[in-house]
């Protein structure tokens, strides 16, 4: 049985992919976190999962990082 936390993370991950696929110019982390109503640390876990599954990529460094859906 999956926990509610895992289900919420899956929902947020899917929502992040949807947002990125609708943004041809990509989104910055601040925009994504605001749209997903998520704090910085859980957001980092979502981004890591996106990179690990090869579903997102980024350009830039630090505060200028922009995320895109593949």
PDB file of N, CA and C in Angstrom:
ATOM      1  N   UNK A   1       0.843  -1.184   0.000  1.00  0.00           N
ATOM      2  CA  UNK A   1       0.000   0.000   0.000  1.00  0.00           C
ATOM      3  C   UNK A   1       0.887   1.245   0.000  1.00  0.00           C
ATOM      4  N   UNK A   2       0.552   2.191  -0.862  1.00  0.00           N
ATOM      5  CA  UNK A   2       1.334   3.423  -0.962  1.00  0.00           C
ATOM      6  C   UNK A   2       0.884   4.424   0.088  1.00  0.00           C
ATOM      7  N   UNK A   3       1.818   5.216   0.557  1.00  0.00           N
ATOM      8  CA  UNK A   3       1.481   6.223   1.552  1.00  0.00           C
ATOM      9  C   UNK A   3       0.892   7.456   0.873  1.00  0.00           C
ATOM     10  N   UNK A   4       0.222   8.263   1.661  1.00  0.00           N
ATOM     11  CA  UNK A   4      -0.358   9.502   1.147  1.00  0.00           C
ATOM     12  C   UNK A   4       0.737  10.454   0.676  1.00  0.00           C
ATOM     13  N   UNK A   5       1.881  10.418   1.334  1.00  0.00           N
ATOM     14  CA  UNK A   5       3.004  11.279   0.948  1.00  0.00           C
ATOM     15  C   UNK A   5       3.510  10.889  -0.439  1.00  0.00           C
ATOM     16  N   UNK A   6       3.642   9.597  -0.700  1.00  0.00           N
ATOM     17  CA  UNK A   6       4.101   9.126  -2.011  1.00  0.00           C
ATOM     18  C   UNK A   6       3.087   9.491  -3.094  1.00  0.00           C
ATOM     19  N   UNK A   7       1.809   9.346  -2.798  1.00  0.00           N
ATOM     20  CA  UNK A   7       0.774   9.708  -3.773  1.00  0.00           C
ATOM     21  C   UNK A   7       0.807  11.208  -4.073  1.00  0.00           C
ATOM     22  N   UNK A   8       1.020  12.028  -3.042  1.00  0.00           N
ATOM     23  CA  UNK A   8       1.103  13.471  -3.227  1.00  0.00           C
ATOM     24  C   UNK A   8       2.319  13.834  -4.073  1.00  0.00           C
ATOM     25  N   UNK A   9       3.439  13.170  -3.838  1.00  0.00           N
ATOM     26  CA  UNK A   9       4.653  13.423  -4.619  1.00  0.00           C
ATOM     27  C   UNK A   9       4.418  13.061  -6.086  1.00  0.00           C
ATOM     28  N   UNK A  10       3.748  11.951  -6.339  1.00  0.00           N
ATOM     29  CA  UNK A  10       3.436  11.552  -7.714  1.00  0.00           C
ATOM     30  C   UNK A  10       2.533  12.586  -8.386  1.00  0.00           C
ATOM     31  N   UNK A  11       1.557  13.082  -7.646  1.00  0.00           N
ATOM     32  CA  UNK A  11       0.644  14.086  -8.172  1.00  0.00           C
ATOM     33  C   UNK A  11       1.398  15.369  -8.508  1.00  0.00           C
ATOM     34  N   UNK A  12       2.268  15.801  -7.592  1.00  0.00           N
ATOM     35  CA  UNK A  12       3.068  17.018  -7.821  1.00  0.00           C
ATOM     36  C   UNK A  12       4.013  16.820  -9.009  1.00  0.00           C
ATOM     37  N   UNK A  13       4.601  15.628  -9.129  1.00  0.00           N
ATOM     38  CA  UNK A  13       5.506  15.338 -10.238  1.00  0.00           C
ATOM     39  C   UNK A  13       4.760  15.428 -11.565  1.00  0.00           C
ATOM     40  N   UNK A  14       3.594  14.813 -11.635  1.00  0.00           N
ATOM     41  CA  UNK A  14       2.775  14.882 -12.853  1.00  0.00           C
ATOM     42  C   UNK A  14       2.380  16.317 -13.174  1.00  0.00           C
ATOM     43  N   UNK A  15       2.025  17.080 -12.139  1.00  0.00           N
ATOM     44  CA  UNK A  15       1.647  18.480 -12.341  1.00  0.00           C
ATOM     45  C   UNK A  15       2.840  19.283 -12.854  1.00  0.00           C
ATOM     46  N   UNK A  16       4.039  18.999 -12.328  1.00  0.00           N
ATOM     47  CA  UNK A  16       5.237  19.690 -12.790  1.00  0.00           C
ATOM     48  C   UNK A  16       5.482  19.395 -14.266  1.00  0.00           C
ATOM     49  N   UNK A  17       5.352  18.135 -14.665  1.00  0.00           N
ATOM     50  CA  UNK A  17       5.544  17.777 -16.070  1.00  0.00           C
ATOM     51  C   UNK A  17       4.517  18.466 -16.964  1.00  0.00           C
ATOM     52  N   UNK A  18       3.274  18.539 -16.503  1.00  0.00           N
ATOM     53  CA  UNK A  18       2.225  19.222 -17.276  1.00  0.00           C
ATOM     54  C   UNK A  18       2.562  20.704 -17.457  1.00  0.00           C
ATOM     55  N   UNK A  19       2.980  21.353 -16.367  1.00  0.00           N
ATOM     56  CA  UNK A  19       3.336  22.772 -16.446  1.00  0.00           C
ATOM     57  C   UNK A  19       4.491  22.995 -17.410  1.00  0.00           C
ATOM     58  N   UNK A  20       5.510  22.148 -17.322  1.00  0.00           N
ATOM     59  CA  UNK A  20       6.676  22.311 -18.181  1.00  0.00           C
ATOM     60  C   UNK A  20       6.348  22.034 -19.649  1.00  0.00           C
ATOM     61  N   UNK A  21       5.486  21.066 -19.900  1.00  0.00           N
ATOM     62  CA  UNK A  21       5.144  20.753 -21.290  1.00  0.00           C
ATOM     63  C   UNK A  21       4.308  21.859 -21.921  1.00  0.00           C
ATOM     64  N   UNK A  22       3.630  22.664 -21.103  1.00  0.00           N
ATOM     65  CA  UNK A  22       2.812  23.773 -21.606  1.00  0.00           C
ATOM     66  C   UNK A  22       3.615  25.069 -21.733  1.00  0.00           C
ATOM     67  N   UNK A  23       4.885  25.048 -21.307  1.00  0.00           N
ATOM     68  CA  UNK A  23       5.708  26.263 -21.322  1.00  0.00           C
ATOM     69  C   UNK A  23       6.884  26.080 -22.280  1.00  0.00           C
ATOM     70  N   UNK A  24       6.738  26.466 -23.539  1.00  0.00           N
ATOM     71  CA  UNK A  24       7.814  26.257 -24.512  1.00  0.00           C
ATOM     72  C   UNK A  24       9.110  26.985 -24.155  1.00  0.00           C
ATOM     73  N   UNK A  25       9.006  28.082 -23.389  1.00  0.00           N
ATOM     74  CA  UNK A  25      10.193  28.821 -22.976  1.00  0.00           C
ATOM     75  C   UNK A  25      10.713  28.362 -21.626  1.00  0.00           C
ATOM     76  N   UNK A  26      10.114  27.305 -21.083  1.00  0.00           N
ATOM     77  CA  UNK A  26      10.543  26.766 -19.800  1.00  0.00           C
ATOM     78  C   UNK A  26      10.062  27.604 -18.631  1.00  0.00           C
ATOM     79  N   UNK A  27      10.325  27.102 -17.436  1.00  0.00           N
ATOM     80  CA  UNK A  27       9.941  27.795 -16.211  1.00  0.00           C
ATOM     81  C   UNK A  27      11.100  27.765 -15.230  1.00  0.00           C
ATOM     82  N   UNK A  28      11.230  28.811 -14.471  1.00  0.00           N
ATOM     83  CA  UNK A  28      12.249  28.856 -13.432  1.00  0.00           C
ATOM     84  C   UNK A  28      11.708  28.201 -12.173  1.00  0.00           C
ATOM     85  N   UNK A  29      12.605  27.830 -11.281  1.00  0.00           N
ATOM     86  CA  UNK A  29      12.190  27.094 -10.088  1.00  0.00           C
ATOM     87  C   UNK A  29      11.185  27.884  -9.259  1.00  0.00           C
ATOM     88  N   UNK A  30      11.354  29.192  -9.162  1.00  0.00           N
ATOM     89  CA  UNK A  30      10.416  30.002  -8.385  1.00  0.00           C
ATOM     90  C   UNK A  30       9.010  29.910  -8.960  1.00  0.00           C
ATOM     91  N   UNK A  31       8.918  29.924 -10.284  1.00  0.00           N
ATOM     92  CA  UNK A  31       7.610  29.825 -10.941  1.00  0.00           C
ATOM     93  C   UNK A  31       6.985  28.453 -10.692  1.00  0.00           C
ATOM     94  N   UNK A  32       7.799  27.413 -10.811  1.00  0.00           N
ATOM     95  CA  UNK A  32       7.286  26.058 -10.584  1.00  0.00           C
ATOM     96  C   UNK A  32       6.851  25.870  -9.134  1.00  0.00           C
ATOM     97  N   UNK A  33       7.675  26.312  -8.210  1.00  0.00           N
ATOM     98  CA  UNK A  33       7.341  26.139  -6.790  1.00  0.00           C
ATOM     99  C   UNK A  33       6.063  26.886  -6.431  1.00  0.00           C
ATOM    100  N   UNK A  34       5.902  28.074  -6.985  1.00  0.00           N
ATOM    101  CA  UNK A  34       4.691  28.846  -6.713  1.00  0.00           C
ATOM    102  C   UNK A  34       3.465  28.149  -7.300  1.00  0.00           C
ATOM    103  N   UNK A  35       3.572  27.678  -8.529  1.00  0.00           N
ATOM    104  CA  UNK A  35       2.439  27.014  -9.187  1.00  0.00           C
ATOM    105  C   UNK A  35       2.063  25.707  -8.495  1.00  0.00           C
ATOM    106  N   UNK A  36       3.063  25.009  -7.944  1.00  0.00           N
ATOM    107  CA  UNK A  36       2.826  23.723  -7.288  1.00  0.00           C
ATOM    108  C   UNK A  36       2.574  23.862  -5.794  1.00  0.00           C
ATOM    109  N   UNK A  37       2.734  25.068  -5.268  1.00  0.00           N
ATOM    110  CA  UNK A  37       2.611  25.318  -3.823  1.00  0.00           C
ATOM    111  C   UNK A  37       3.496  24.361  -3.036  1.00  0.00           C
ATOM    112  N   UNK A  38       4.787  24.389  -3.348  1.00  0.00           N
ATOM    113  CA  UNK A  38       5.725  23.457  -2.737  1.00  0.00           C
ATOM    114  C   UNK A  38       6.959  24.220  -2.263  1.00  0.00           C
ATOM    115  N   UNK A  39       7.535  23.759  -1.167  1.00  0.00           N
ATOM    116  CA  UNK A  39       8.740  24.374  -0.614  1.00  0.00           C
ATOM    117  C   UNK A  39       9.978  23.926  -1.394  1.00  0.00           C
ATOM    118  N   UNK A  40      11.110  24.569  -1.101  1.00  0.00           N
ATOM    119  CA  UNK A  40      12.339  24.348  -1.859  1.00  0.00           C
ATOM    120  C   UNK A  40      12.871  22.917  -1.754  1.00  0.00           C
ATOM    121  N   UNK A  41      12.915  22.336  -0.557  1.00  0.00           N
ATOM    122  CA  UNK A  41      13.500  21.001  -0.379  1.00  0.00           C
ATOM    123  C   UNK A  41      12.681  19.929  -1.104  1.00  0.00           C
ATOM    124  N   UNK A  42      11.359  19.872  -0.918  1.00  0.00           N
ATOM    125  CA  UNK A  42      10.581  18.879  -1.684  1.00  0.00           C
ATOM    126  C   UNK A  42      10.665  19.120  -3.192  1.00  0.00           C
ATOM    127  N   UNK A  43      10.797  20.377  -3.592  1.00  0.00           N
ATOM    128  CA  UNK A  43      10.931  20.695  -5.013  1.00  0.00           C
ATOM    129  C   UNK A  43      12.205  20.079  -5.581  1.00  0.00           C
ATOM    130  N   UNK A  44      13.282  20.150  -4.827  1.00  0.00           N
ATOM    131  CA  UNK A  44      14.542  19.561  -5.292  1.00  0.00           C
ATOM    132  C   UNK A  44      14.385  18.068  -5.547  1.00  0.00           C
ATOM    133  N   UNK A  45      13.612  17.383  -4.700  1.00  0.00           N
ATOM    134  CA  UNK A  45      13.377  15.946  -4.890  1.00  0.00           C
ATOM    135  C   UNK A  45      12.599  15.696  -6.182  1.00  0.00           C
ATOM    136  N   UNK A  46      11.623  16.552  -6.489  1.00  0.00           N
ATOM    137  CA  UNK A  46      10.860  16.399  -7.733  1.00  0.00           C
ATOM    138  C   UNK A  46      11.759  16.601  -8.948  1.00  0.00           C
ATOM    139  N   UNK A  47      12.614  17.617  -8.888  1.00  0.00           N
ATOM    140  CA  UNK A  47      13.518  17.892 -10.003  1.00  0.00           C
ATOM    141  C   UNK A  47      14.489  16.726 -10.190  1.00  0.00           C
ATOM    142  N   UNK A  48      15.008  16.202  -9.099  1.00  0.00           N
ATOM    143  CA  UNK A  48      15.921  15.059  -9.184  1.00  0.00           C
ATOM    144  C   UNK A  48      15.218  13.880  -9.842  1.00  0.00           C
ATOM    145  N   UNK A  49      13.974  13.627  -9.466  1.00  0.00           N
ATOM    146  CA  UNK A  49      13.211  12.534 -10.075  1.00  0.00           C
ATOM    147  C   UNK A  49      13.020  12.783 -11.568  1.00  0.00           C
ATOM    148  N   UNK A  50      12.801  14.033 -11.949  1.00  0.00           N
ATOM    149  CA  UNK A  50      12.655  14.373 -13.359  1.00  0.00           C
ATOM    150  C   UNK A  50      13.925  14.119 -14.157  1.00  0.00           C
ATOM    151  N   UNK A  51      15.068  14.485 -13.565  1.00  0.00           N
ATOM    152  CA  UNK A  51      16.354  14.217 -14.224  1.00  0.00           C
ATOM    153  C   UNK A  51      16.637  12.718 -14.279  1.00  0.00           C
ATOM    154  N   UNK A  52      16.357  12.017 -13.168  1.00  0.00           N
ATOM    155  CA  UNK A  52      16.617  10.573 -13.102  1.00  0.00           C
ATOM    156  C   UNK A  52      15.805   9.792 -14.126  1.00  0.00           C
ATOM    157  N   UNK A  53      14.582  10.243 -14.393  1.00  0.00           N
ATOM    158  CA  UNK A  53      13.728   9.555 -15.361  1.00  0.00           C
ATOM    159  C   UNK A  53      13.887  10.125 -16.768  1.00  0.00           C
ATOM    160  N   UNK A  54      14.759  11.116 -16.905  1.00  0.00           N
ATOM    161  CA  UNK A  54      15.064  11.739 -18.197  1.00  0.00           C
ATOM    162  C   UNK A  54      13.827  12.393 -18.830  1.00  0.00           C
ATOM    163  N   UNK A  55      12.963  12.962 -17.987  1.00  0.00           N
ATOM    164  CA  UNK A  55      11.761  13.610 -18.495  1.00  0.00           C
ATOM    165  C   UNK A  55      11.877  15.122 -18.535  1.00  0.00           C
ATOM    166  N   UNK A  56      12.879  15.673 -17.842  1.00  0.00           N
ATOM    167  CA  UNK A  56      13.099  17.111 -17.875  1.00  0.00           C
ATOM    168  C   UNK A  56      14.575  17.398 -18.105  1.00  0.00           C
ATOM    169  N   UNK A  57      14.860  18.628 -18.510  1.00  0.00           N
ATOM    170  CA  UNK A  57      16.241  19.096 -18.599  1.00  0.00           C
ATOM    171  C   UNK A  57      16.258  20.557 -18.197  1.00  0.00           C
ATOM    172  N   UNK A  58      17.440  21.075 -17.974  1.00  0.00           N
ATOM    173  CA  UNK A  58      17.550  22.462 -17.553  1.00  0.00           C
ATOM    174  C   UNK A  58      18.682  23.151 -18.300  1.00  0.00           C
ATOM    175  N   UNK A  59      18.590  24.472 -18.325  1.00  0.00           N
ATOM    176  CA  UNK A  59      19.672  25.304 -18.842  1.00  0.00           C
ATOM    177  C   UNK A  59      19.976  26.350 -17.785  1.00  0.00           C
ATOM    178  N   UNK A  60      21.162  26.900 -17.816  1.00  0.00           N
ATOM    179  CA  UNK A  60      21.542  27.925 -16.857  1.00  0.00           C
ATOM    180  C   UNK A  60      22.057  27.327 -15.566  1.00  0.00           C
ATOM    181  N   UNK A  61      22.466  28.215 -14.682  1.00  0.00           N
ATOM    182  CA  UNK A  61      23.007  27.796 -13.391  1.00  0.00           C
ATOM    183  C   UNK A  61      22.405  28.634 -12.278  1.00  0.00           C
ATOM    184  N   UNK A  62      22.353  28.042 -11.103  1.00  0.00           N
ATOM    185  CA  UNK A  62      21.878  28.692  -9.881  1.00  0.00           C
ATOM    186  C   UNK A  62      20.531  29.364 -10.107  1.00  0.00           C
ATOM    187  N   UNK A  63      20.410  30.647  -9.839  1.00  0.00           N
ATOM    188  CA  UNK A  63      19.110  31.323  -9.922  1.00  0.00           C
ATOM    189  C   UNK A  63      18.598  31.503 -11.343  1.00  0.00           C
ATOM    190  N   UNK A  64      19.459  31.364 -12.331  1.00  0.00           N
ATOM    191  CA  UNK A  64      18.998  31.520 -13.719  1.00  0.00           C
ATOM    192  C   UNK A  64      18.631  30.191 -14.365  1.00  0.00           C
ATOM    193  N   UNK A  65      18.550  29.114 -13.581  1.00  0.00           N
ATOM    194  CA  UNK A  65      18.210  27.811 -14.125  1.00  0.00           C
ATOM    195  C   UNK A  65      16.764  27.825 -14.613  1.00  0.00           C
ATOM    196  N   UNK A  66      16.583  27.348 -15.822  1.00  0.00           N
ATOM    197  CA  UNK A  66      15.251  27.218 -16.415  1.00  0.00           C
ATOM    198  C   UNK A  66      15.024  25.761 -16.738  1.00  0.00           C
ATOM    199  N   UNK A  67      13.859  25.252 -16.385  1.00  0.00           N
ATOM    200  CA  UNK A  67      13.526  23.838 -16.576  1.00  0.00           C
ATOM    201  C   UNK A  67      12.574  23.671 -17.755  1.00  0.00           C
ATOM    202  N   UNK A  68      12.754  22.570 -18.462  1.00  0.00           N
ATOM    203  CA  UNK A  68      11.963  22.238 -19.646  1.00  0.00           C
ATOM    204  C   UNK A  68      11.560  20.775 -19.600  1.00  0.00           C
ATOM    205  N   UNK A  69      10.430  20.462 -20.233  1.00  0.00           N
ATOM    206  CA  UNK A  69      10.040  19.061 -20.432  1.00  0.00           C
ATOM    207  C   UNK A  69      10.688  18.555 -21.703  1.00  0.00           C
ATOM    208  N   UNK A  70      11.072  17.301 -21.712  1.00  0.00           N
ATOM    209  CA  UNK A  70      11.646  16.716 -22.931  1.00  0.00           C
ATOM    210  C   UNK A  70      10.543  16.226 -23.832  1.00  0.00           C
TER     211      UNK A  70
END
